[in-house]
Amino acid sequence: GRFTISRHNAENTVYLQMNSLKPEDTGVYYCNGVIKPRPWGQGTQVT
């Protein structure tokens, strides 16, 4: 109800729209394949 995931296959990009953020959402966010994971990226910090 607060986050929305989307993907654009042609642009090889995945998005995460995060609304109504809470302090407990703080952390480092990563994307990856769920069934066929690749090496992890560096992530992006959300505070």
ModelCIF file with pLDDT and N, C-alpha, C, O atoms, coordinates in Angstrom:
data_MODEL
#
_entry.id   MODEL 
#
_entity.id                         1 
_entity.type                       polymer 
_entity.pdbx_number_of_molecules   1 
#
_entity_poly.entity_id                      1 
_entity_poly.type                           'polypeptide(L)' 
_entity_poly.nstd_linkage                   no 
_entity_poly.nstd_monomer                   no 
_entity_poly.pdbx_seq_one_letter_code       GRFTISRHNAENTVYLQMNSLKPEDTGVYYCNGVIKPRPWGQGTQVT 
_entity_poly.pdbx_seq_one_letter_code_can   GRFTISRHNAENTVYLQMNSLKPEDTGVYYCNGVIKPRPWGQGTQVT 
_entity_poly.pdbx_strand_id                 A 
#
loop_
_entity_poly_seq.entity_id 
_entity_poly_seq.num 
_entity_poly_seq.mon_id 
_entity_poly_seq.hetero 
1 1  GLY n 
1 2  ARG n 
1 3  PHE n 
1 4  THR n 
1 5  ILE n 
1 6  SER n 
1 7  ARG n 
1 8  HIS n 
1 9  ASN n 
1 10 ALA n 
1 11 GLU n 
1 12 ASN n 
1 13 THR n 
1 14 VAL n 
1 15 TYR n 
1 16 LEU n 
1 17 GLN n 
1 18 MET n 
1 19 ASN n 
1 20 SER n 
1 21 LEU n 
1 22 LYS n 
1 23 PRO n 
1 24 GLU n 
1 25 ASP n 
1 26 THR n 
1 27 GLY n 
1 28 VAL n 
1 29 TYR n 
1 30 TYR n 
1 31 CYS n 
1 32 ASN n 
1 33 GLY n 
1 34 VAL n 
1 35 ILE n 
1 36 LYS n 
1 37 PRO n 
1 38 ARG n 
1 39 PRO n 
1 40 TRP n 
1 41 GLY n 
1 42 GLN n 
1 43 GLY n 
1 44 THR n 
1 45 GLN n 
1 46 VAL n 
1 47 THR n 
#
_struct_asym.id          A 
_struct_asym.entity_id   1 
#
loop_
_ma_qa_metric.id 
_ma_qa_metric.mode 
_ma_qa_metric.name 
_ma_qa_metric.software_group_id 
_ma_qa_metric.type 
1 global pLDDT . pLDDT 
2 local  pLDDT . pLDDT 
#
_ma_qa_metric_global.metric_id      1 
_ma_qa_metric_global.metric_value   96.98 
_ma_qa_metric_global.model_id       1 
_ma_qa_metric_global.ordinal_id     1 
#
loop_
_ma_qa_metric_local.label_asym_id 
_ma_qa_metric_local.label_comp_id 
_ma_qa_metric_local.label_seq_id 
_ma_qa_metric_local.metric_id 
_ma_qa_metric_local.metric_value 
_ma_qa_metric_local.model_id 
_ma_qa_metric_local.ordinal_id 
A GLY 1  2 98.00 1 1  
A ARG 2  2 98.00 1 2  
A PHE 3  2 98.00 1 3  
A THR 4  2 98.00 1 4  
A ILE 5  2 98.00 1 5  
A SER 6  2 98.00 1 6  
A ARG 7  2 97.00 1 7  
A HIS 8  2 96.00 1 8  
A ASN 9  2 93.00 1 9  
A ALA 10 2 94.00 1 10 
A GLU 11 2 95.00 1 11 
A ASN 12 2 96.00 1 12 
A THR 13 2 97.00 1 13 
A VAL 14 2 98.00 1 14 
A TYR 15 2 98.00 1 15 
A LEU 16 2 98.00 1 16 
A GLN 17 2 98.00 1 17 
A MET 18 2 98.00 1 18 
A ASN 19 2 98.00 1 19 
A SER 20 2 98.00 1 20 
A LEU 21 2 98.00 1 21 
A LYS 22 2 98.00 1 22 
A PRO 23 2 97.00 1 23 
A GLU 24 2 96.00 1 24 
A ASP 25 2 98.00 1 25 
A THR 26 2 98.00 1 26 
A GLY 27 2 98.00 1 27 
A VAL 28 2 98.00 1 28 
A TYR 29 2 98.00 1 29 
A TYR 30 2 98.00 1 30 
A CYS 31 2 98.00 1 31 
A ASN 32 2 98.00 1 32 
A GLY 33 2 96.00 1 33 
A VAL 34 2 97.00 1 34 
A ILE 35 2 95.00 1 35 
A LYS 36 2 90.00 1 36 
A PRO 37 2 94.00 1 37 
A ARG 38 2 95.00 1 38 
A PRO 39 2 96.00 1 39 
A TRP 40 2 97.00 1 40 
A GLY 41 2 96.00 1 41 
A GLN 42 2 97.00 1 42 
A GLY 43 2 98.00 1 43 
A THR 44 2 98.00 1 44 
A GLN 45 2 98.00 1 45 
A VAL 46 2 98.00 1 46 
A THR 47 2 98.00 1 47 
#
loop_
_atom_site.group_PDB 
_atom_site.id 
_atom_site.type_symbol 
_atom_site.label_atom_id 
_atom_site.label_alt_id 
_atom_site.label_comp_id 
_atom_site.label_asym_id 
_atom_site.label_entity_id 
_atom_site.label_seq_id 
_atom_site.pdbx_PDB_ins_code 
_atom_site.Cartn_x 
_atom_site.Cartn_y 
_atom_site.Cartn_z 
_atom_site.occupancy 
_atom_site.B_iso_or_equiv 
_atom_site.pdbx_formal_charge 
_atom_site.auth_seq_id 
_atom_site.auth_comp_id 
_atom_site.auth_asym_id 
_atom_site.auth_atom_id 
_atom_site.pdbx_PDB_model_num 
ATOM 1   N N  . GLY A 1 1  ? 0.795  -1.225  0.000   1.00 98.00 ? 1  GLY A N  1 
ATOM 2   C CA . GLY A 1 1  ? 0.000  0.000   0.000   1.00 98.00 ? 1  GLY A CA 1 
ATOM 3   C C  . GLY A 1 1  ? 0.823  1.269   0.000   1.00 98.00 ? 1  GLY A C  1 
ATOM 4   O O  . GLY A 1 1  ? 0.286  2.360   -0.189  1.00 98.00 ? 1  GLY A O  1 
ATOM 5   N N  . ARG A 1 2  ? 2.135  1.134   0.212   1.00 98.00 ? 2  ARG A N  1 
ATOM 6   C CA . ARG A 1 2  ? 3.006  2.318   0.259   1.00 98.00 ? 2  ARG A CA 1 
ATOM 7   C C  . ARG A 1 2  ? 4.068  2.289   -0.843  1.00 98.00 ? 2  ARG A C  1 
ATOM 8   O O  . ARG A 1 2  ? 4.452  3.338   -1.359  1.00 98.00 ? 2  ARG A O  1 
ATOM 9   N N  . PHE A 1 3  ? 4.538  1.108   -1.201  1.00 98.00 ? 3  PHE A N  1 
ATOM 10  C CA . PHE A 1 3  ? 5.589  0.955   -2.207  1.00 98.00 ? 3  PHE A CA 1 
ATOM 11  C C  . PHE A 1 3  ? 4.989  0.418   -3.500  1.00 98.00 ? 3  PHE A C  1 
ATOM 12  O O  . PHE A 1 3  ? 4.011  -0.331  -3.487  1.00 98.00 ? 3  PHE A O  1 
ATOM 13  N N  . THR A 1 4  ? 5.596  0.817   -4.621  1.00 98.00 ? 4  THR A N  1 
ATOM 14  C CA . THR A 1 4  ? 5.183  0.324   -5.933  1.00 98.00 ? 4  THR A CA 1 
ATOM 15  C C  . THR A 1 4  ? 6.422  -0.058  -6.726  1.00 98.00 ? 4  THR A C  1 
ATOM 16  O O  . THR A 1 4  ? 7.304  0.767   -6.963  1.00 98.00 ? 4  THR A O  1 
ATOM 17  N N  . ILE A 1 5  ? 6.477  -1.317  -7.129  1.00 98.00 ? 5  ILE A N  1 
ATOM 18  C CA . ILE A 1 5  ? 7.588  -1.799  -7.950  1.00 98.00 ? 5  ILE A CA 1 
ATOM 19  C C  . ILE A 1 5  ? 7.153  -1.789  -9.414  1.00 98.00 ? 5  ILE A C  1 
ATOM 20  O O  . ILE A 1 5  ? 5.996  -2.061  -9.733  1.00 98.00 ? 5  ILE A O  1 
ATOM 21  N N  . SER A 1 6  ? 8.091  -1.472  -10.290 1.00 98.00 ? 6  SER A N  1 
ATOM 22  C CA . SER A 1 6  ? 7.812  -1.520  -11.721 1.00 98.00 ? 6  SER A CA 1 
ATOM 23  C C  . SER A 1 6  ? 9.108  -1.869  -12.444 1.00 98.00 ? 6  SER A C  1 
ATOM 24  O O  . SER A 1 6  ? 10.199 -1.787  -11.879 1.00 98.00 ? 6  SER A O  1 
ATOM 25  N N  . ARG A 1 7  ? 8.962  -2.253  -13.688 1.00 97.00 ? 7  ARG A N  1 
ATOM 26  C CA . ARG A 1 7  ? 10.147 -2.589  -14.482 1.00 97.00 ? 7  ARG A CA 1 
ATOM 27  C C  . ARG A 1 7  ? 9.966  -2.121  -15.909 1.00 97.00 ? 7  ARG A C  1 
ATOM 28  O O  . ARG A 1 7  ? 8.851  -2.056  -16.427 1.00 97.00 ? 7  ARG A O  1 
ATOM 29  N N  . HIS A 1 8  ? 11.077 -1.798  -16.532 1.00 96.00 ? 8  HIS A N  1 
ATOM 30  C CA . HIS A 1 8  ? 11.070 -1.412  -17.939 1.00 96.00 ? 8  HIS A CA 1 
ATOM 31  C C  . HIS A 1 8  ? 12.080 -2.314  -18.620 1.00 96.00 ? 8  HIS A C  1 
ATOM 32  O O  . HIS A 1 8  ? 13.276 -2.022  -18.629 1.00 96.00 ? 8  HIS A O  1 
ATOM 33  N N  . ASN A 1 9  ? 11.606 -3.402  -19.185 1.00 93.00 ? 9  ASN A N  1 
ATOM 34  C CA . ASN A 1 9  ? 12.513 -4.412  -19.727 1.00 93.00 ? 9  ASN A CA 1 
ATOM 35  C C  . ASN A 1 9  ? 13.397 -3.851  -20.841 1.00 93.00 ? 9  ASN A C  1 
ATOM 36  O O  . ASN A 1 9  ? 14.582 -4.179  -20.911 1.00 93.00 ? 9  ASN A O  1 
ATOM 37  N N  . ALA A 1 10 ? 12.845 -3.027  -21.693 1.00 94.00 ? 10 ALA A N  1 
ATOM 38  C CA . ALA A 1 10 ? 13.614 -2.497  -22.825 1.00 94.00 ? 10 ALA A CA 1 
ATOM 39  C C  . ALA A 1 10 ? 14.765 -1.615  -22.352 1.00 94.00 ? 10 ALA A C  1 
ATOM 40  O O  . ALA A 1 10 ? 15.797 -1.516  -23.016 1.00 94.00 ? 10 ALA A O  1 
ATOM 41  N N  . GLU A 1 11 ? 14.578 -0.972  -21.190 1.00 95.00 ? 11 GLU A N  1 
ATOM 42  C CA . GLU A 1 11 ? 15.625 -0.109  -20.641 1.00 95.00 ? 11 GLU A CA 1 
ATOM 43  C C  . GLU A 1 11 ? 16.435 -0.807  -19.565 1.00 95.00 ? 11 GLU A C  1 
ATOM 44  O O  . GLU A 1 11 ? 17.346 -0.221  -18.982 1.00 95.00 ? 11 GLU A O  1 
ATOM 45  N N  . ASN A 1 12 ? 16.094 -2.077  -19.301 1.00 96.00 ? 12 ASN A N  1 
ATOM 46  C CA . ASN A 1 12 ? 16.813 -2.863  -18.289 1.00 96.00 ? 12 ASN A CA 1 
ATOM 47  C C  . ASN A 1 12 ? 16.871 -2.147  -16.948 1.00 96.00 ? 12 ASN A C  1 
ATOM 48  O O  . ASN A 1 12 ? 17.921 -2.063  -16.310 1.00 96.00 ? 12 ASN A O  1 
ATOM 49  N N  . THR A 1 13 ? 15.722 -1.638  -16.540 1.00 97.00 ? 13 THR A N  1 
ATOM 50  C CA . THR A 1 13 ? 15.644 -0.869  -15.308 1.00 97.00 ? 13 THR A CA 1 
ATOM 51  C C  . THR A 1 13 ? 14.452 -1.332  -14.470 1.00 97.00 ? 13 THR A C  1 
ATOM 52  O O  . THR A 1 13 ? 13.388 -1.665  -14.992 1.00 97.00 ? 13 THR A O  1 
ATOM 53  N N  . VAL A 1 14 ? 14.664 -1.341  -13.179 1.00 98.00 ? 14 VAL A N  1 
ATOM 54  C CA . VAL A 1 14 ? 13.608 -1.659  -12.219 1.00 98.00 ? 14 VAL A CA 1 
ATOM 55  C C  . VAL A 1 14 ? 13.494 -0.472  -11.273 1.00 98.00 ? 14 VAL A C  1 
ATOM 56  O O  . VAL A 1 14 ? 14.496 0.133   -10.891 1.00 98.00 ? 14 VAL A O  1 
ATOM 57  N N  . TYR A 1 15 ? 12.256 -0.147  -10.898 1.00 98.00 ? 15 TYR A N  1 
ATOM 58  C CA . TYR A 1 15 ? 12.015 1.007   -10.046 1.00 98.00 ? 15 TYR A CA 1 
ATOM 59  C C  . TYR A 1 15 ? 11.299 0.582   -8.767  1.00 98.00 ? 15 TYR A C  1 
ATOM 60  O O  . TYR A 1 15 ? 10.631 -0.451  -8.714  1.00 98.00 ? 15 TYR A O  1 
ATOM 61  N N  . LEU A 1 16 ? 11.460 1.408   -7.747  1.00 98.00 ? 16 LEU A N  1 
ATOM 62  C CA . LEU A 1 16 ? 10.687 1.231   -6.531  1.00 98.00 ? 16 LEU A CA 1 
ATOM 63  C C  . LEU A 1 16 ? 10.242 2.616   -6.065  1.00 98.00 ? 16 LEU A C  1 
ATOM 64  O O  . LEU A 1 16 ? 11.050 3.411   -5.585  1.00 98.00 ? 16 LEU A O  1 
ATOM 65  N N  . GLN A 1 17 ? 8.958  2.888   -6.211  1.00 98.00 ? 17 GLN A N  1 
ATOM 66  C CA . GLN A 1 17 ? 8.385  4.133   -5.713  1.00 98.00 ? 17 GLN A CA 1 
ATOM 67  C C  . GLN A 1 17 ? 7.977  3.906   -4.264  1.00 98.00 ? 17 GLN A C  1 
ATOM 68  O O  . GLN A 1 17 ? 7.196  3.005   -3.958  1.00 98.00 ? 17 GLN A O  1 
ATOM 69  N N  . MET A 1 18 ? 8.508  4.724   -3.391  1.00 98.00 ? 18 MET A N  1 
ATOM 70  C CA . MET A 1 18 ? 8.246  4.555   -1.958  1.00 98.00 ? 18 MET A CA 1 
ATOM 71  C C  . MET A 1 18 ? 7.546  5.799   -1.431  1.00 98.00 ? 18 MET A C  1 
ATOM 72  O O  . MET A 1 18 ? 8.107  6.894   -1.456  1.00 98.00 ? 18 MET A O  1 
ATOM 73  N N  . ASN A 1 19 ? 6.338  5.626   -0.960  1.00 98.00 ? 19 ASN A N  1 
ATOM 74  C CA . ASN A 1 19 ? 5.548  6.729   -0.404  1.00 98.00 ? 19 ASN A CA 1 
ATOM 75  C C  . ASN A 1 19 ? 5.270  6.469   1.075   1.00 98.00 ? 19 ASN A C  1 
ATOM 76  O O  . ASN A 1 19 ? 5.440  5.357   1.576   1.00 98.00 ? 19 ASN A O  1 
ATOM 77  N N  . SER A 1 20 ? 4.846  7.511   1.742   1.00 98.00 ? 20 SER A N  1 
ATOM 78  C CA . SER A 1 20 ? 4.503  7.412   3.172   1.00 98.00 ? 20 SER A CA 1 
ATOM 79  C C  . SER A 1 20 ? 5.602  6.693   3.951   1.00 98.00 ? 20 SER A C  1 
ATOM 80  O O  . SER A 1 20 ? 5.340  5.772   4.724   1.00 98.00 ? 20 SER A O  1 
ATOM 81  N N  . LEU A 1 21 ? 6.807  7.126   3.731   1.00 98.00 ? 21 LEU A N  1 
ATOM 82  C CA . LEU A 1 21 ? 7.953  6.445   4.347   1.00 98.00 ? 21 LEU A CA 1 
ATOM 83  C C  . LEU A 1 21 ? 7.933  6.560   5.863   1.00 98.00 ? 21 LEU A C  1 
ATOM 84  O O  . LEU A 1 21 ? 7.494  7.563   6.427   1.00 98.00 ? 21 LEU A O  1 
ATOM 85  N N  . LYS A 1 22 ? 8.417  5.513   6.500   1.00 98.00 ? 22 LYS A N  1 
ATOM 86  C CA . LYS A 1 22 ? 8.473  5.419   7.954   1.00 98.00 ? 22 LYS A CA 1 
ATOM 87  C C  . LYS A 1 22 ? 9.927  5.226   8.393   1.00 98.00 ? 22 LYS A C  1 
ATOM 88  O O  . LYS A 1 22 ? 10.749 4.756   7.606   1.00 98.00 ? 22 LYS A O  1 
ATOM 89  N N  . PRO A 1 23 ? 10.247 5.574   9.608   1.00 97.00 ? 23 PRO A N  1 
ATOM 90  C CA . PRO A 1 23 ? 11.627 5.361   10.079  1.00 97.00 ? 23 PRO A CA 1 
ATOM 91  C C  . PRO A 1 23 ? 12.073 3.912   9.945   1.00 97.00 ? 23 PRO A C  1 
ATOM 92  O O  . PRO A 1 23 ? 13.251 3.643   9.710   1.00 97.00 ? 23 PRO A O  1 
ATOM 93  N N  . GLU A 1 24 ? 11.149 2.986   10.091  1.00 96.00 ? 24 GLU A N  1 
ATOM 94  C CA . GLU A 1 24 ? 11.517 1.568   9.969   1.00 96.00 ? 24 GLU A CA 1 
ATOM 95  C C  . GLU A 1 24 ? 11.821 1.143   8.537   1.00 96.00 ? 24 GLU A C  1 
ATOM 96  O O  . GLU A 1 24 ? 12.236 0.007   8.309   1.00 96.00 ? 24 GLU A O  1 
ATOM 97  N N  . ASP A 1 25 ? 11.623 2.035   7.570   1.00 98.00 ? 25 ASP A N  1 
ATOM 98  C CA . ASP A 1 25 ? 12.026 1.762   6.185   1.00 98.00 ? 25 ASP A CA 1 
ATOM 99  C C  . ASP A 1 25 ? 13.504 2.052   5.967   1.00 98.00 ? 25 ASP A C  1 
ATOM 100 O O  . ASP A 1 25 ? 14.040 1.774   4.894   1.00 98.00 ? 25 ASP A O  1 
ATOM 101 N N  . THR A 1 26 ? 14.155 2.599   6.958   1.00 98.00 ? 26 THR A N  1 
ATOM 102 C CA . THR A 1 26 ? 15.574 2.924   6.833   1.00 98.00 ? 26 THR A CA 1 
ATOM 103 C C  . THR A 1 26 ? 16.401 1.677   6.575   1.00 98.00 ? 26 THR A C  1 
ATOM 104 O O  . THR A 1 26 ? 16.185 0.629   7.185   1.00 98.00 ? 26 THR A O  1 
ATOM 105 N N  . GLY A 1 27 ? 17.359 1.811   5.650   1.00 98.00 ? 27 GLY A N  1 
ATOM 106 C CA . GLY A 1 27 ? 18.222 0.696   5.332   1.00 98.00 ? 27 GLY A CA 1 
ATOM 107 C C  . GLY A 1 27 ? 18.891 0.899   3.981   1.00 98.00 ? 27 GLY A C  1 
ATOM 108 O O  . GLY A 1 27 ? 18.692 1.912   3.312   1.00 98.00 ? 27 GLY A O  1 
ATOM 109 N N  . VAL A 1 28 ? 19.684 -0.084  3.600   1.00 98.00 ? 28 VAL A N  1 
ATOM 110 C CA . VAL A 1 28 ? 20.293 -0.087  2.270   1.00 98.00 ? 28 VAL A CA 1 
ATOM 111 C C  . VAL A 1 28 ? 19.412 -0.942  1.370   1.00 98.00 ? 28 VAL A C  1 
ATOM 112 O O  . VAL A 1 28 ? 19.087 -2.082  1.700   1.00 98.00 ? 28 VAL A O  1 
ATOM 113 N N  . TYR A 1 29 ? 19.034 -0.381  0.243   1.00 98.00 ? 29 TYR A N  1 
ATOM 114 C CA . TYR A 1 29 ? 18.130 -1.045  -0.697  1.00 98.00 ? 29 TYR A CA 1 
ATOM 115 C C  . TYR A 1 29 ? 18.919 -1.577  -1.886  1.00 98.00 ? 29 TYR A C  1 
ATOM 116 O O  . TYR A 1 29 ? 19.760 -0.887  -2.462  1.00 98.00 ? 29 TYR A O  1 
ATOM 117 N N  . TYR A 1 30 ? 18.623 -2.820  -2.233  1.00 98.00 ? 30 TYR A N  1 
ATOM 118 C CA . TYR A 1 30 ? 19.279 -3.501  -3.341  1.00 98.00 ? 30 TYR A CA 1 
ATOM 119 C C  . TYR A 1 30 ? 18.220 -4.072  -4.281  1.00 98.00 ? 30 TYR A C  1 
ATOM 120 O O  . TYR A 1 30 ? 17.102 -4.374  -3.866  1.00 98.00 ? 30 TYR A O  1 
ATOM 121 N N  . CYS A 1 31 ? 18.587 -4.212  -5.536  1.00 98.00 ? 31 CYS A N  1 
ATOM 122 C CA . CYS A 1 31 ? 17.737 -4.964  -6.449  1.00 98.00 ? 31 CYS A CA 1 
ATOM 123 C C  . CYS A 1 31 ? 18.525 -6.189  -6.914  1.00 98.00 ? 31 CYS A C  1 
ATOM 124 O O  . CYS A 1 31 ? 19.756 -6.178  -6.929  1.00 98.00 ? 31 CYS A O  1 
ATOM 125 N N  . ASN A 1 32 ? 17.816 -7.224  -7.287  1.00 98.00 ? 32 ASN A N  1 
ATOM 126 C CA . ASN A 1 32 ? 18.468 -8.420  -7.807  1.00 98.00 ? 32 ASN A CA 1 
ATOM 127 C C  . ASN A 1 32 ? 17.407 -9.363  -8.343  1.00 98.00 ? 32 ASN A C  1 
ATOM 128 O O  . ASN A 1 32 ? 16.216 -9.209  -8.072  1.00 98.00 ? 32 ASN A O  1 
ATOM 129 N N  . GLY A 1 33 ? 17.860 -10.331 -9.102  1.00 96.00 ? 33 GLY A N  1 
ATOM 130 C CA . GLY A 1 33 ? 16.971 -11.388 -9.530  1.00 96.00 ? 33 GLY A CA 1 
ATOM 131 C C  . GLY A 1 33 ? 16.585 -12.227 -8.327  1.00 96.00 ? 33 GLY A C  1 
ATOM 132 O O  . GLY A 1 33 ? 17.404 -12.471 -7.441  1.00 96.00 ? 33 GLY A O  1 
ATOM 133 N N  . VAL A 1 34 ? 15.344 -12.662 -8.298  1.00 97.00 ? 34 VAL A N  1 
ATOM 134 C CA . VAL A 1 34 ? 14.866 -13.434 -7.146  1.00 97.00 ? 34 VAL A CA 1 
ATOM 135 C C  . VAL A 1 34 ? 15.202 -14.911 -7.321  1.00 97.00 ? 34 VAL A C  1 
ATOM 136 O O  . VAL A 1 34 ? 15.635 -15.566 -6.373  1.00 97.00 ? 34 VAL A O  1 
ATOM 137 N N  . ILE A 1 35 ? 15.007 -15.432 -8.513  1.00 95.00 ? 35 ILE A N  1 
ATOM 138 C CA . ILE A 1 35 ? 15.258 -16.856 -8.770  1.00 95.00 ? 35 ILE A CA 1 
ATOM 139 C C  . ILE A 1 35 ? 16.663 -17.062 -9.342  1.00 95.00 ? 35 ILE A C  1 
ATOM 140 O O  . ILE A 1 35 ? 17.321 -18.068 -9.074  1.00 95.00 ? 35 ILE A O  1 
ATOM 141 N N  . LYS A 1 36 ? 17.104 -16.081 -10.137 1.00 90.00 ? 36 LYS A N  1 
ATOM 142 C CA . LYS A 1 36 ? 18.438 -16.155 -10.753 1.00 90.00 ? 36 LYS A CA 1 
ATOM 143 C C  . LYS A 1 36 ? 19.223 -14.904 -10.352 1.00 90.00 ? 36 LYS A C  1 
ATOM 144 O O  . LYS A 1 36 ? 19.402 -13.992 -11.159 1.00 90.00 ? 36 LYS A O  1 
ATOM 145 N N  . PRO A 1 37 ? 19.687 -14.868 -9.107  1.00 94.00 ? 37 PRO A N  1 
ATOM 146 C CA . PRO A 1 37 ? 20.389 -13.664 -8.663  1.00 94.00 ? 37 PRO A CA 1 
ATOM 147 C C  . PRO A 1 37 ? 21.733 -13.485 -9.350  1.00 94.00 ? 37 PRO A C  1 
ATOM 148 O O  . PRO A 1 37 ? 22.385 -14.442 -9.768  1.00 94.00 ? 37 PRO A O  1 
ATOM 149 N N  . ARG A 1 38 ? 22.116 -12.228 -9.448  1.00 95.00 ? 38 ARG A N  1 
ATOM 150 C CA . ARG A 1 38 ? 23.416 -11.845 -9.981  1.00 95.00 ? 38 ARG A CA 1 
ATOM 151 C C  . ARG A 1 38 ? 24.243 -11.302 -8.832  1.00 95.00 ? 38 ARG A C  1 
ATOM 152 O O  . ARG A 1 38 ? 23.739 -11.188 -7.714  1.00 95.00 ? 38 ARG A O  1 
ATOM 153 N N  . PRO A 1 39 ? 25.514 -10.961 -9.081  1.00 96.00 ? 39 PRO A N  1 
ATOM 154 C CA . PRO A 1 39 ? 26.305 -10.337 -8.003  1.00 96.00 ? 39 PRO A CA 1 
ATOM 155 C C  . PRO A 1 39 ? 25.607 -9.083  -7.488  1.00 96.00 ? 39 PRO A C  1 
ATOM 156 O O  . PRO A 1 39 ? 25.071 -8.294  -8.267  1.00 96.00 ? 39 PRO A O  1 
ATOM 157 N N  . TRP A 1 40 ? 25.618 -8.911  -6.188  1.00 97.00 ? 40 TRP A N  1 
ATOM 158 C CA . TRP A 1 40 ? 24.936 -7.776  -5.583  1.00 97.00 ? 40 TRP A CA 1 
ATOM 159 C C  . TRP A 1 40 ? 25.629 -6.458  -5.937  1.00 97.00 ? 40 TRP A C  1 
ATOM 160 O O  . TRP A 1 40 ? 26.855 -6.383  -6.023  1.00 97.00 ? 40 TRP A O  1 
ATOM 161 N N  . GLY A 1 41 ? 24.820 -5.437  -6.137  1.00 96.00 ? 41 GLY A N  1 
ATOM 162 C CA . GLY A 1 41 ? 25.362 -4.105  -6.334  1.00 96.00 ? 41 GLY A CA 1 
ATOM 163 C C  . GLY A 1 41 ? 25.719 -3.475  -4.998  1.00 96.00 ? 41 GLY A C  1 
ATOM 164 O O  . GLY A 1 41 ? 25.714 -4.139  -3.961  1.00 96.00 ? 41 GLY A O  1 
ATOM 165 N N  . GLN A 1 42 ? 26.027 -2.197  -5.036  1.00 97.00 ? 42 GLN A N  1 
ATOM 166 C CA . GLN A 1 42 ? 26.432 -1.510  -3.810  1.00 97.00 ? 42 GLN A CA 1 
ATOM 167 C C  . GLN A 1 42 ? 25.242 -1.046  -2.984  1.00 97.00 ? 42 GLN A C  1 
ATOM 168 O O  . GLN A 1 42 ? 25.383 -0.671  -1.820  1.00 97.00 ? 42 GLN A O  1 
ATOM 169 N N  . GLY A 1 43 ? 24.081 -1.075  -3.597  1.00 98.00 ? 43 GLY A N  1 
ATOM 170 C CA . GLY A 1 43 ? 22.882 -0.640  -2.893  1.00 98.00 ? 43 GLY A CA 1 
ATOM 171 C C  . GLY A 1 43 ? 22.779 0.868   -2.818  1.00 98.00 ? 43 GLY A C  1 
ATOM 172 O O  . GLY A 1 43 ? 23.706 1.589   -3.188  1.00 98.00 ? 43 GLY A O  1 
ATOM 173 N N  . THR A 1 44 ? 21.646 1.333   -2.336  1.00 98.00 ? 44 THR A N  1 
ATOM 174 C CA . THR A 1 44 ? 21.440 2.760   -2.142  1.00 98.00 ? 44 THR A CA 1 
ATOM 175 C C  . THR A 1 44 ? 20.836 2.981   -0.758  1.00 98.00 ? 44 THR A C  1 
ATOM 176 O O  . THR A 1 44 ? 19.876 2.311   -0.377  1.00 98.00 ? 44 THR A O  1 
ATOM 177 N N  . GLN A 1 45 ? 21.402 3.919   -0.014  1.00 98.00 ? 45 GLN A N  1 
ATOM 178 C CA . GLN A 1 45 ? 20.993 4.139   1.367   1.00 98.00 ? 45 GLN A CA 1 
ATOM 179 C C  . GLN A 1 45 ? 19.730 4.979   1.430   1.00 98.00 ? 45 GLN A C  1 
ATOM 180 O O  . GLN A 1 45 ? 19.631 6.031   0.799   1.00 98.00 ? 45 GLN A O  1 
ATOM 181 N N  . VAL A 1 46 ? 18.775 4.500   2.196   1.00 98.00 ? 46 VAL A N  1 
ATOM 182 C CA . VAL A 1 46 ? 17.551 5.246   2.475   1.00 98.00 ? 46 VAL A CA 1 
ATOM 183 C C  . VAL A 1 46 ? 17.498 5.478   3.978   1.00 98.00 ? 46 VAL A C  1 
ATOM 184 O O  . VAL A 1 46 ? 17.565 4.535   4.768   1.00 98.00 ? 46 VAL A O  1 
ATOM 185 N N  . THR A 1 47 ? 17.377 6.727   4.357   1.00 98.00 ? 47 THR A N  1 
ATOM 186 C CA . THR A 1 47 ? 17.277 7.080   5.765   1.00 98.00 ? 47 THR A CA 1 
ATOM 187 C C  . THR A 1 47 ? 16.025 7.918   5.973   1.00 98.00 ? 47 THR A C  1 
ATOM 188 O O  . THR A 1 47 ? 15.738 8.331   7.097   1.00 98.00 ? 47 THR A O  1 
#
